[in-house]
Amino acid sequence: MEPIELFKALANESRLQILQWLKEPDHYFKPHEGIDMKKIGVCVGQVTEKLNMTQSTASQYLTILQRAGLITSERIGKYTYYKRDEEKIREAIALLKGEME
């Protein structure tokens, strides 16, 4: 995990909000075509709608979170779904606490 990418990802309120929403996607997002959001994730369109911003901005935010290792993506048909990478998030927390080298 690259600290600069982590800090960059966490330096934006909307990206932090996305991470929080992805923790309980069923609570924050409308269902998408029968997808189990807890298992598969949410698509860019769902994030775009929730943030009330352009799809390109939402995509950019998701890309930054993915580069930092905080979320993963899975392509299904014409959609890409994003979900939290809980293991990497635990590593990020340890890094921020100074527990990793």
PDB file of N, CA and C in Angstrom:
ATOM      1  N   MET A   1       0.844  -1.176   0.000  1.00  0.00           N
ATOM      2  CA  MET A   1       0.000   0.000   0.000  1.00  0.00           C
ATOM      3  C   MET A   1       0.891   1.241   0.000  1.00  0.00           C
ATOM      4  N   GLU A   2       0.669   2.087  -0.991  1.00  0.00           N
ATOM      5  CA  GLU A   2       1.442   3.317  -1.118  1.00  0.00           C
ATOM      6  C   GLU A   2       0.802   4.413  -0.265  1.00  0.00           C
ATOM      7  N   PRO A   3       1.531   4.920   0.736  1.00  0.00           N
ATOM      8  CA  PRO A   3       0.961   5.951   1.608  1.00  0.00           C
ATOM      9  C   PRO A   3       0.448   7.175   0.854  1.00  0.00           C
ATOM     10  N   ILE A   4       1.152   7.614  -0.190  1.00  0.00           N
ATOM     11  CA  ILE A   4       0.718   8.814  -0.916  1.00  0.00           C
ATOM     12  C   ILE A   4      -0.648   8.597  -1.560  1.00  0.00           C
ATOM     13  N   GLU A   5      -0.877   7.408  -2.127  1.00  0.00           N
ATOM     14  CA  GLU A   5      -2.179   7.106  -2.743  1.00  0.00           C
ATOM     15  C   GLU A   5      -3.272   7.033  -1.673  1.00  0.00           C
ATOM     16  N   LEU A   6      -2.928   6.476  -0.526  1.00  0.00           N
ATOM     17  CA  LEU A   6      -3.879   6.393   0.578  1.00  0.00           C
ATOM     18  C   LEU A   6      -4.280   7.785   1.047  1.00  0.00           C
ATOM     19  N   PHE A   7      -3.296   8.634   1.297  1.00  0.00           N
ATOM     20  CA  PHE A   7      -3.591   9.986   1.773  1.00  0.00           C
ATOM     21  C   PHE A   7      -4.372  10.783   0.731  1.00  0.00           C
ATOM     22  N   LYS A   8      -4.027  10.608  -0.528  1.00  0.00           N
ATOM     23  CA  LYS A   8      -4.739  11.273  -1.608  1.00  0.00           C
ATOM     24  C   LYS A   8      -6.208  10.843  -1.610  1.00  0.00           C
ATOM     25  N   ALA A   9      -6.453   9.555  -1.468  1.00  0.00           N
ATOM     26  CA  ALA A   9      -7.816   9.019  -1.476  1.00  0.00           C
ATOM     27  C   ALA A   9      -8.636   9.535  -0.293  1.00  0.00           C
ATOM     28  N   LEU A  10      -7.992   9.647   0.857  1.00  0.00           N
ATOM     29  CA  LEU A  10      -8.696  10.041   2.074  1.00  0.00           C
ATOM     30  C   LEU A  10      -8.839  11.555   2.229  1.00  0.00           C
ATOM     31  N   ALA A  11      -8.225  12.314   1.335  1.00  0.00           N
ATOM     32  CA  ALA A  11      -8.202  13.772   1.444  1.00  0.00           C
ATOM     33  C   ALA A  11      -9.427  14.446   0.816  1.00  0.00           C
ATOM     34  N   ASN A  12     -10.478  13.699   0.570  1.00  0.00           N
ATOM     35  CA  ASN A  12     -11.659  14.252  -0.078  1.00  0.00           C
ATOM     36  C   ASN A  12     -12.899  13.746   0.649  1.00  0.00           C
ATOM     37  N   GLU A  13     -13.766  14.659   1.044  1.00  0.00           N
ATOM     38  CA  GLU A  13     -14.952  14.306   1.810  1.00  0.00           C
ATOM     39  C   GLU A  13     -15.884  13.352   1.055  1.00  0.00           C
ATOM     40  N   SER A  14     -16.026  13.558  -0.246  1.00  0.00           N
ATOM     41  CA  SER A  14     -16.904  12.683  -1.029  1.00  0.00           C
ATOM     42  C   SER A  14     -16.356  11.269  -1.110  1.00  0.00           C
ATOM     43  N   ARG A  15     -15.043  11.117  -1.247  1.00  0.00           N
ATOM     44  CA  ARG A  15     -14.452   9.776  -1.290  1.00  0.00           C
ATOM     45  C   ARG A  15     -14.606   9.086   0.058  1.00  0.00           C
ATOM     46  N   LEU A  16     -14.448   9.826   1.140  1.00  0.00           N
ATOM     47  CA  LEU A  16     -14.680   9.254   2.469  1.00  0.00           C
ATOM     48  C   LEU A  16     -16.137   8.824   2.613  1.00  0.00           C
ATOM     49  N   GLN A  17     -17.045   9.624   2.061  1.00  0.00           N
ATOM     50  CA  GLN A  17     -18.465   9.290   2.116  1.00  0.00           C
ATOM     51  C   GLN A  17     -18.746   8.009   1.335  1.00  0.00           C
ATOM     52  N   ILE A  18     -18.136   7.861   0.165  1.00  0.00           N
ATOM     53  CA  ILE A  18     -18.306   6.643  -0.632  1.00  0.00           C
ATOM     54  C   ILE A  18     -17.866   5.428   0.169  1.00  0.00           C
ATOM     55  N   LEU A  19     -16.705   5.522   0.811  1.00  0.00           N
ATOM     56  CA  LEU A  19     -16.219   4.404   1.630  1.00  0.00           C
ATOM     57  C   LEU A  19     -17.224   4.056   2.730  1.00  0.00           C
ATOM     58  N   GLN A  20     -17.786   5.072   3.353  1.00  0.00           N
ATOM     59  CA  GLN A  20     -18.766   4.830   4.414  1.00  0.00           C
ATOM     60  C   GLN A  20     -20.009   4.154   3.847  1.00  0.00           C
ATOM     61  N   TRP A  21     -20.513   4.637   2.724  1.00  0.00           N
ATOM     62  CA  TRP A  21     -21.701   4.046   2.108  1.00  0.00           C
ATOM     63  C   TRP A  21     -21.460   2.600   1.695  1.00  0.00           C
ATOM     64  N   LEU A  22     -20.259   2.327   1.174  1.00  0.00           N
ATOM     65  CA  LEU A  22     -19.958   0.972   0.717  1.00  0.00           C
ATOM     66  C   LEU A  22     -19.865  -0.031   1.870  1.00  0.00           C
ATOM     67  N   LYS A  23     -19.731   0.480   3.072  1.00  0.00           N
ATOM     68  CA  LYS A  23     -19.708  -0.417   4.239  1.00  0.00           C
ATOM     69  C   LYS A  23     -21.069  -1.087   4.419  1.00  0.00           C
ATOM     70  N   GLU A  24     -22.147  -0.364   4.119  1.00  0.00           N
ATOM     71  CA  GLU A  24     -23.512  -0.893   4.206  1.00  0.00           C
ATOM     72  C   GLU A  24     -24.277  -0.495   2.939  1.00  0.00           C
ATOM     73  N   PRO A  25     -23.910  -1.068   1.797  1.00  0.00           N
ATOM     74  CA  PRO A  25     -24.506  -0.617   0.531  1.00  0.00           C
ATOM     75  C   PRO A  25     -26.018  -0.804   0.457  1.00  0.00           C
ATOM     76  N   ASP A  26     -26.549  -1.846   1.081  1.00  0.00           N
ATOM     77  CA  ASP A  26     -28.002  -2.074   1.053  1.00  0.00           C
ATOM     78  C   ASP A  26     -28.766  -0.949   1.748  1.00  0.00           C
ATOM     79  N   HIS A  27     -28.111  -0.302   2.669  1.00  0.00           N
ATOM     80  CA  HIS A  27     -28.737   0.777   3.428  1.00  0.00           C
ATOM     81  C   HIS A  27     -28.726   2.101   2.648  1.00  0.00           C
ATOM     82  N   TYR A  28     -27.707   2.315   1.822  1.00  0.00           N
ATOM     83  CA  TYR A  28     -27.513   3.613   1.180  1.00  0.00           C
ATOM     84  C   TYR A  28     -27.848   3.677  -0.313  1.00  0.00           C
ATOM     85  N   PHE A  29     -27.877   2.546  -0.992  1.00  0.00           N
ATOM     86  CA  PHE A  29     -28.092   2.546  -2.441  1.00  0.00           C
ATOM     87  C   PHE A  29     -29.343   1.775  -2.817  1.00  0.00           C
ATOM     88  N   LYS A  30     -29.976   2.221  -3.899  1.00  0.00           N
ATOM     89  CA  LYS A  30     -31.109   1.494  -4.461  1.00  0.00           C
ATOM     90  C   LYS A  30     -30.568   0.220  -5.108  1.00  0.00           C
ATOM     91  N   PRO A  31     -31.328  -0.868  -5.082  1.00  0.00           N
ATOM     92  CA  PRO A  31     -30.889  -2.126  -5.711  1.00  0.00           C
ATOM     93  C   PRO A  31     -30.614  -1.928  -7.209  1.00  0.00           C
ATOM     94  N   HIS A  32     -29.699  -2.737  -7.725  1.00  0.00           N
ATOM     95  CA  HIS A  32     -29.336  -2.640  -9.140  1.00  0.00           C
ATOM     96  C   HIS A  32     -29.449  -3.997  -9.814  1.00  0.00           C
ATOM     97  N   GLU A  33     -30.482  -4.169 -10.605  1.00  0.00           N
ATOM     98  CA  GLU A  33     -30.670  -5.346 -11.458  1.00  0.00           C
ATOM     99  C   GLU A  33     -30.391  -6.681 -10.758  1.00  0.00           C
ATOM    100  N   GLY A  34     -30.915  -6.855  -9.567  1.00  0.00           N
ATOM    101  CA  GLY A  34     -30.772  -8.130  -8.869  1.00  0.00           C
ATOM    102  C   GLY A  34     -29.375  -8.430  -8.353  1.00  0.00           C
ATOM    103  N   ILE A  35     -28.504  -7.442  -8.279  1.00  0.00           N
ATOM    104  CA  ILE A  35     -27.132  -7.630  -7.793  1.00  0.00           C
ATOM    105  C   ILE A  35     -27.128  -7.605  -6.263  1.00  0.00           C
ATOM    106  N   ASP A  36     -26.444  -8.561  -5.652  1.00  0.00           N
ATOM    107  CA  ASP A  36     -26.236  -8.566  -4.207  1.00  0.00           C
ATOM    108  C   ASP A  36     -25.131  -7.550  -3.916  1.00  0.00           C
ATOM    109  N   MET A  37     -25.537  -6.364  -3.476  1.00  0.00           N
ATOM    110  CA  MET A  37     -24.575  -5.273  -3.303  1.00  0.00           C
ATOM    111  C   MET A  37     -23.544  -5.561  -2.219  1.00  0.00           C
ATOM    112  N   LYS A  38     -23.902  -6.329  -1.222  1.00  0.00           N
ATOM    113  CA  LYS A  38     -22.950  -6.666  -0.165  1.00  0.00           C
ATOM    114  C   LYS A  38     -21.833  -7.566  -0.712  1.00  0.00           C
ATOM    115  N   LYS A  39     -22.206  -8.454  -1.631  1.00  0.00           N
ATOM    116  CA  LYS A  39     -21.253  -9.415  -2.192  1.00  0.00           C
ATOM    117  C   LYS A  39     -20.527  -8.868  -3.426  1.00  0.00           C
ATOM    118  N   ILE A  40     -21.261  -8.209  -4.324  1.00  0.00           N
ATOM    119  CA  ILE A  40     -20.712  -7.752  -5.599  1.00  0.00           C
ATOM    120  C   ILE A  40     -20.292  -6.288  -5.561  1.00  0.00           C
ATOM    121  N   GLY A  41     -21.110  -5.439  -4.955  1.00  0.00           N
ATOM    122  CA  GLY A  41     -20.802  -4.017  -4.870  1.00  0.00           C
ATOM    123  C   GLY A  41     -21.851  -3.166  -5.554  1.00  0.00           C
ATOM    124  N   VAL A  42     -21.506  -1.914  -5.782  1.00  0.00           N
ATOM    125  CA  VAL A  42     -22.411  -0.961  -6.432  1.00  0.00           C
ATOM    126  C   VAL A  42     -21.748  -0.439  -7.700  1.00  0.00           C
ATOM    127  N   CYS A  43     -22.581  -0.016  -8.660  1.00  0.00           N
ATOM    128  CA  CYS A  43     -22.023   0.477  -9.925  1.00  0.00           C
ATOM    129  C   CYS A  43     -21.846   1.991  -9.861  1.00  0.00           C
ATOM    130  N   VAL A  44     -21.122   2.505 -10.837  1.00  0.00           N
ATOM    131  CA  VAL A  44     -20.828   3.938 -10.902  1.00  0.00           C
ATOM    132  C   VAL A  44     -22.119   4.757 -10.914  1.00  0.00           C
ATOM    133  N   GLY A  45     -23.118   4.273 -11.646  1.00  0.00           N
ATOM    134  CA  GLY A  45     -24.383   5.000 -11.725  1.00  0.00           C
ATOM    135  C   GLY A  45     -25.035   5.195 -10.369  1.00  0.00           C
ATOM    136  N   GLN A  46     -24.943   4.190  -9.521  1.00  0.00           N
ATOM    137  CA  GLN A  46     -25.516   4.300  -8.181  1.00  0.00           C
ATOM    138  C   GLN A  46     -24.763   5.347  -7.359  1.00  0.00           C
ATOM    139  N   VAL A  47     -23.444   5.362  -7.482  1.00  0.00           N
ATOM    140  CA  VAL A  47     -22.632   6.346  -6.758  1.00  0.00           C
ATOM    141  C   VAL A  47     -22.908   7.739  -7.306  1.00  0.00           C
ATOM    142  N   THR A  48     -23.000   7.855  -8.632  1.00  0.00           N
ATOM    143  CA  THR A  48     -23.279   9.133  -9.280  1.00  0.00           C
ATOM    144  C   THR A  48     -24.588   9.718  -8.762  1.00  0.00           C
ATOM    145  N   GLU A  49     -25.610   8.880  -8.719  1.00  0.00           N
ATOM    146  CA  GLU A  49     -26.927   9.326  -8.257  1.00  0.00           C
ATOM    147  C   GLU A  49     -26.883   9.751  -6.792  1.00  0.00           C
ATOM    148  N   LYS A  50     -26.219   8.968  -5.976  1.00  0.00           N
ATOM    149  CA  LYS A  50     -26.158   9.250  -4.536  1.00  0.00           C
ATOM    150  C   LYS A  50     -25.391  10.542  -4.248  1.00  0.00           C
ATOM    151  N   LEU A  51     -24.296  10.774  -4.976  1.00  0.00           N
ATOM    152  CA  LEU A  51     -23.488  11.977  -4.765  1.00  0.00           C
ATOM    153  C   LEU A  51     -24.053  13.194  -5.488  1.00  0.00           C
ATOM    154  N   ASN A  52     -24.981  12.949  -6.426  1.00  0.00           N
ATOM    155  CA  ASN A  52     -25.553  14.028  -7.233  1.00  0.00           C
ATOM    156  C   ASN A  52     -24.449  14.805  -7.964  1.00  0.00           C
ATOM    157  N   MET A  53     -23.625  14.056  -8.696  1.00  0.00           N
ATOM    158  CA  MET A  53     -22.532  14.648  -9.464  1.00  0.00           C
ATOM    159  C   MET A  53     -22.439  13.932 -10.801  1.00  0.00           C
ATOM    160  N   THR A  54     -21.519  14.369 -11.640  1.00  0.00           N
ATOM    161  CA  THR A  54     -21.377  13.751 -12.956  1.00  0.00           C
ATOM    162  C   THR A  54     -20.779  12.355 -12.828  1.00  0.00           C
ATOM    163  N   GLN A  55     -21.060  11.532 -13.826  1.00  0.00           N
ATOM    164  CA  GLN A  55     -20.523  10.179 -13.827  1.00  0.00           C
ATOM    165  C   GLN A  55     -18.999  10.201 -13.929  1.00  0.00           C
ATOM    166  N   SER A  56     -18.451  11.147 -14.676  1.00  0.00           N
ATOM    167  CA  SER A  56     -16.989  11.190 -14.812  1.00  0.00           C
ATOM    168  C   SER A  56     -16.316  11.510 -13.476  1.00  0.00           C
ATOM    169  N   THR A  57     -16.924  12.393 -12.683  1.00  0.00           N
ATOM    170  CA  THR A  57     -16.357  12.708 -11.365  1.00  0.00           C
ATOM    171  C   THR A  57     -16.464  11.505 -10.437  1.00  0.00           C
ATOM    172  N   ALA A  58     -17.616  10.854 -10.435  1.00  0.00           N
ATOM    173  CA  ALA A  58     -17.790   9.664  -9.589  1.00  0.00           C
ATOM    174  C   ALA A  58     -16.799   8.578  -9.999  1.00  0.00           C
ATOM    175  N   SER A  59     -16.621   8.378 -11.298  1.00  0.00           N
ATOM    176  CA  SER A  59     -15.657   7.383 -11.798  1.00  0.00           C
ATOM    177  C   SER A  59     -14.246   7.728 -11.352  1.00  0.00           C
ATOM    178  N   GLN A  60     -13.907   8.998 -11.422  1.00  0.00           N
ATOM    179  CA  GLN A  60     -12.573   9.437 -10.992  1.00  0.00           C
ATOM    180  C   GLN A  60     -12.377   9.155  -9.500  1.00  0.00           C
ATOM    181  N   TYR A  61     -13.383   9.435  -8.689  1.00  0.00           N
ATOM    182  CA  TYR A  61     -13.284   9.181  -7.251  1.00  0.00           C
ATOM    183  C   TYR A  61     -13.103   7.688  -6.973  1.00  0.00           C
ATOM    184  N   LEU A  62     -13.864   6.866  -7.671  1.00  0.00           N
ATOM    185  CA  LEU A  62     -13.750   5.419  -7.485  1.00  0.00           C
ATOM    186  C   LEU A  62     -12.377   4.915  -7.928  1.00  0.00           C
ATOM    187  N   THR A  63     -11.844   5.466  -8.999  1.00  0.00           N
ATOM    188  CA  THR A  63     -10.511   5.080  -9.467  1.00  0.00           C
ATOM    189  C   THR A  63      -9.452   5.429  -8.430  1.00  0.00           C
ATOM    190  N   ILE A  64      -9.560   6.584  -7.840  1.00  0.00           N
ATOM    191  CA  ILE A  64      -8.599   6.997  -6.803  1.00  0.00           C
ATOM    192  C   ILE A  64      -8.680   6.064  -5.599  1.00  0.00           C
ATOM    193  N   LEU A  65      -9.896   5.709  -5.188  1.00  0.00           N
ATOM    194  CA  LEU A  65     -10.062   4.772  -4.069  1.00  0.00           C
ATOM    195  C   LEU A  65      -9.506   3.395  -4.418  1.00  0.00           C
ATOM    196  N   GLN A  66      -9.679   2.992  -5.672  1.00  0.00           N
ATOM    197  CA  GLN A  66      -9.164   1.690  -6.100  1.00  0.00           C
ATOM    198  C   GLN A  66      -7.638   1.705  -6.154  1.00  0.00           C
ATOM    199  N   ARG A  67      -7.049   2.761  -6.676  1.00  0.00           N
ATOM    200  CA  ARG A  67      -5.575   2.864  -6.716  1.00  0.00           C
ATOM    201  C   ARG A  67      -4.978   2.808  -5.325  1.00  0.00           C
ATOM    202  N   ALA A  68      -5.694   3.365  -4.365  1.00  0.00           N
ATOM    203  CA  ALA A  68      -5.223   3.346  -2.977  1.00  0.00           C
ATOM    204  C   ALA A  68      -5.398   1.974  -2.348  1.00  0.00           C
ATOM    205  N   GLY A  69      -6.143   1.092  -3.021  1.00  0.00           N
ATOM    206  CA  GLY A  69      -6.347  -0.254  -2.515  1.00  0.00           C
ATOM    207  C   GLY A  69      -7.517  -0.384  -1.557  1.00  0.00           C
ATOM    208  N   LEU A  70      -8.338   0.658  -1.450  1.00  0.00           N
ATOM    209  CA  LEU A  70      -9.434   0.643  -0.489  1.00  0.00           C
ATOM    210  C   LEU A  70     -10.693  -0.024  -1.022  1.00  0.00           C
ATOM    211  N   ILE A  71     -10.819  -0.097  -2.339  1.00  0.00           N
ATOM    212  CA  ILE A  71     -11.965  -0.774  -2.950  1.00  0.00           C
ATOM    213  C   ILE A  71     -11.476  -1.664  -4.089  1.00  0.00           C
ATOM    214  N   THR A  72     -12.329  -2.617  -4.457  1.00  0.00           N
ATOM    215  CA  THR A  72     -12.053  -3.496  -5.593  1.00  0.00           C
ATOM    216  C   THR A  72     -13.173  -3.323  -6.606  1.00  0.00           C
ATOM    217  N   SER A  73     -12.926  -3.774  -7.823  1.00  0.00           N
ATOM    218  CA  SER A  73     -13.961  -3.686  -8.852  1.00  0.00           C
ATOM    219  C   SER A  73     -14.155  -5.045  -9.513  1.00  0.00           C
ATOM    220  N   GLU A  74     -15.366  -5.235 -10.020  1.00  0.00           N
ATOM    221  CA  GLU A  74     -15.704  -6.448 -10.748  1.00  0.00           C
ATOM    222  C   GLU A  74     -16.608  -6.062 -11.907  1.00  0.00           C
ATOM    223  N   ARG A  75     -16.229  -6.462 -13.106  1.00  0.00           N
ATOM    224  CA  ARG A  75     -17.006  -6.177 -14.307  1.00  0.00           C
ATOM    225  C   ARG A  75     -18.014  -7.299 -14.531  1.00  0.00           C
ATOM    226  N   ILE A  76     -19.295  -6.926 -14.647  1.00  0.00           N
ATOM    227  CA  ILE A  76     -20.363  -7.870 -14.955  1.00  0.00           C
ATOM    228  C   ILE A  76     -21.182  -7.237 -16.076  1.00  0.00           C
ATOM    229  N   GLY A  77     -21.112  -7.854 -17.248  1.00  0.00           N
ATOM    230  CA  GLY A  77     -21.804  -7.290 -18.400  1.00  0.00           C
ATOM    231  C   GLY A  77     -21.252  -5.921 -18.732  1.00  0.00           C
ATOM    232  N   LYS A  78     -22.130  -4.955 -18.858  1.00  0.00           N
ATOM    233  CA  LYS A  78     -21.682  -3.600 -19.207  1.00  0.00           C
ATOM    234  C   LYS A  78     -21.411  -2.731 -17.983  1.00  0.00           C
ATOM    235  N   TYR A  79     -21.544  -3.284 -16.799  1.00  0.00           N
ATOM    236  CA  TYR A  79     -21.351  -2.515 -15.571  1.00  0.00           C
ATOM    237  C   TYR A  79     -20.107  -2.965 -14.817  1.00  0.00           C
ATOM    238  N   THR A  80     -19.488  -2.002 -14.134  1.00  0.00           N
ATOM    239  CA  THR A  80     -18.404  -2.303 -13.215  1.00  0.00           C
ATOM    240  C   THR A  80     -18.917  -1.993 -11.815  1.00  0.00           C
ATOM    241  N   TYR A  81     -18.759  -2.955 -10.925  1.00  0.00           N
ATOM    242  CA  TYR A  81     -19.240  -2.824  -9.550  1.00  0.00           C
ATOM    243  C   TYR A  81     -18.054  -2.667  -8.604  1.00  0.00           C
ATOM    244  N   TYR A  82     -18.238  -1.838  -7.598  1.00  0.00           N
ATOM    245  CA  TYR A  82     -17.182  -1.528  -6.638  1.00  0.00           C
ATOM    246  C   TYR A  82     -17.630  -1.892  -5.235  1.00  0.00           C
ATOM    247  N   LYS A  83     -16.678  -2.453  -4.469  1.00  0.00           N
ATOM    248  CA  LYS A  83     -16.959  -2.733  -3.057  1.00  0.00           C
ATOM    249  C   LYS A  83     -15.689  -2.499  -2.251  1.00  0.00           C
ATOM    250  N   ARG A  84     -15.870  -2.370  -0.961  1.00  0.00           N
ATOM    251  CA  ARG A  84     -14.733  -2.145  -0.067  1.00  0.00           C
ATOM    252  C   ARG A  84     -13.851  -3.387  -0.005  1.00  0.00           C
ATOM    253  N   ASP A  85     -12.550  -3.157   0.135  1.00  0.00           N
ATOM    254  CA  ASP A  85     -11.602  -4.240   0.387  1.00  0.00           C
ATOM    255  C   ASP A  85     -11.259  -4.152   1.872  1.00  0.00           C
ATOM    256  N   GLU A  86     -11.995  -4.900   2.672  1.00  0.00           N
ATOM    257  CA  GLU A  86     -11.878  -4.778   4.135  1.00  0.00           C
ATOM    258  C   GLU A  86     -10.475  -5.096   4.647  1.00  0.00           C
ATOM    259  N   GLU A  87      -9.803  -6.051   4.028  1.00  0.00           N
ATOM    260  CA  GLU A  87      -8.436  -6.376   4.448  1.00  0.00           C
ATOM    261  C   GLU A  87      -7.500  -5.195   4.223  1.00  0.00           C
ATOM    262  N   LYS A  88      -7.609  -4.589   3.057  1.00  0.00           N
ATOM    263  CA  LYS A  88      -6.762  -3.424   2.743  1.00  0.00           C
ATOM    264  C   LYS A  88      -7.122  -2.226   3.617  1.00  0.00           C
ATOM    265  N   ILE A  89      -8.385  -2.096   3.952  1.00  0.00           N
ATOM    266  CA  ILE A  89      -8.797  -1.003   4.845  1.00  0.00           C
ATOM    267  C   ILE A  89      -8.189  -1.202   6.226  1.00  0.00           C
ATOM    268  N   ARG A  90      -8.158  -2.443   6.703  1.00  0.00           N
ATOM    269  CA  ARG A  90      -7.504  -2.719   7.999  1.00  0.00           C
ATOM    270  C   ARG A  90      -6.010  -2.375   7.925  1.00  0.00           C
ATOM    271  N   GLU A  91      -5.372  -2.717   6.802  1.00  0.00           N
ATOM    272  CA  GLU A  91      -3.960  -2.369   6.616  1.00  0.00           C
ATOM    273  C   GLU A  91      -3.769  -0.852   6.609  1.00  0.00           C
ATOM    274  N   ALA A  92      -4.679  -0.142   5.969  1.00  0.00           N
ATOM    275  CA  ALA A  92      -4.598   1.324   5.919  1.00  0.00           C
ATOM    276  C   ALA A  92      -4.724   1.918   7.313  1.00  0.00           C
ATOM    277  N   ILE A  93      -5.636   1.376   8.099  1.00  0.00           N
ATOM    278  CA  ILE A  93      -5.813   1.860   9.470  1.00  0.00           C
ATOM    279  C   ILE A  93      -4.536   1.617  10.271  1.00  0.00           C
ATOM    280  N   ALA A  94      -3.950   0.439  10.113  1.00  0.00           N
ATOM    281  CA  ALA A  94      -2.695   0.130  10.809  1.00  0.00           C
ATOM    282  C   ALA A  94      -1.588   1.082  10.361  1.00  0.00           C
ATOM    283  N   LEU A  95      -1.517   1.361   9.068  1.00  0.00           N
ATOM    284  CA  LEU A  95      -0.523   2.289   8.543  1.00  0.00           C
ATOM    285  C   LEU A  95      -0.703   3.674   9.136  1.00  0.00           C
ATOM    286  N   LEU A  96      -1.946   4.128   9.183  1.00  0.00           N
ATOM    287  CA  LEU A  96      -2.236   5.451   9.729  1.00  0.00           C
ATOM    288  C   LEU A  96      -1.925   5.527  11.233  1.00  0.00           C
ATOM    289  N   LYS A  97      -2.071   4.401  11.911  1.00  0.00           N
ATOM    290  CA  LYS A  97      -1.752   4.348  13.339  1.00  0.00           C
ATOM    291  C   LYS A  97      -0.255   4.190  13.590  1.00  0.00           C
ATOM    292  N   GLY A  98       0.502   3.970  12.520  1.00  0.00           N
ATOM    293  CA  GLY A  98       1.940   3.773  12.643  1.00  0.00           C
ATOM    294  C   GLY A  98       2.326   2.386  13.051  1.00  0.00           C
ATOM    295  N   GLU A  99       1.430   1.407  12.827  1.00  0.00           N
ATOM    296  CA  GLU A  99       1.698   0.023  13.235  1.00  0.00           C
ATOM    297  C   GLU A  99       2.343  -0.804  12.131  1.00  0.00           C
ATOM    298  N   MET A 100       2.481  -0.238  10.942  1.00  0.00           N
ATOM    299  CA  MET A 100       3.123  -0.963   9.831  1.00  0.00           C
ATOM    300  C   MET A 100       4.390  -0.230   9.445  1.00  0.00           C
ATOM    301  N   GLU A 101       5.287  -0.967   8.847  1.00  0.00           N
ATOM    302  CA  GLU A 101       6.531  -0.345   8.383  1.00  0.00           C
ATOM    303  C   GLU A 101       6.463  -0.069   6.915  1.00  0.00           C
TER     304      GLU A 101
END
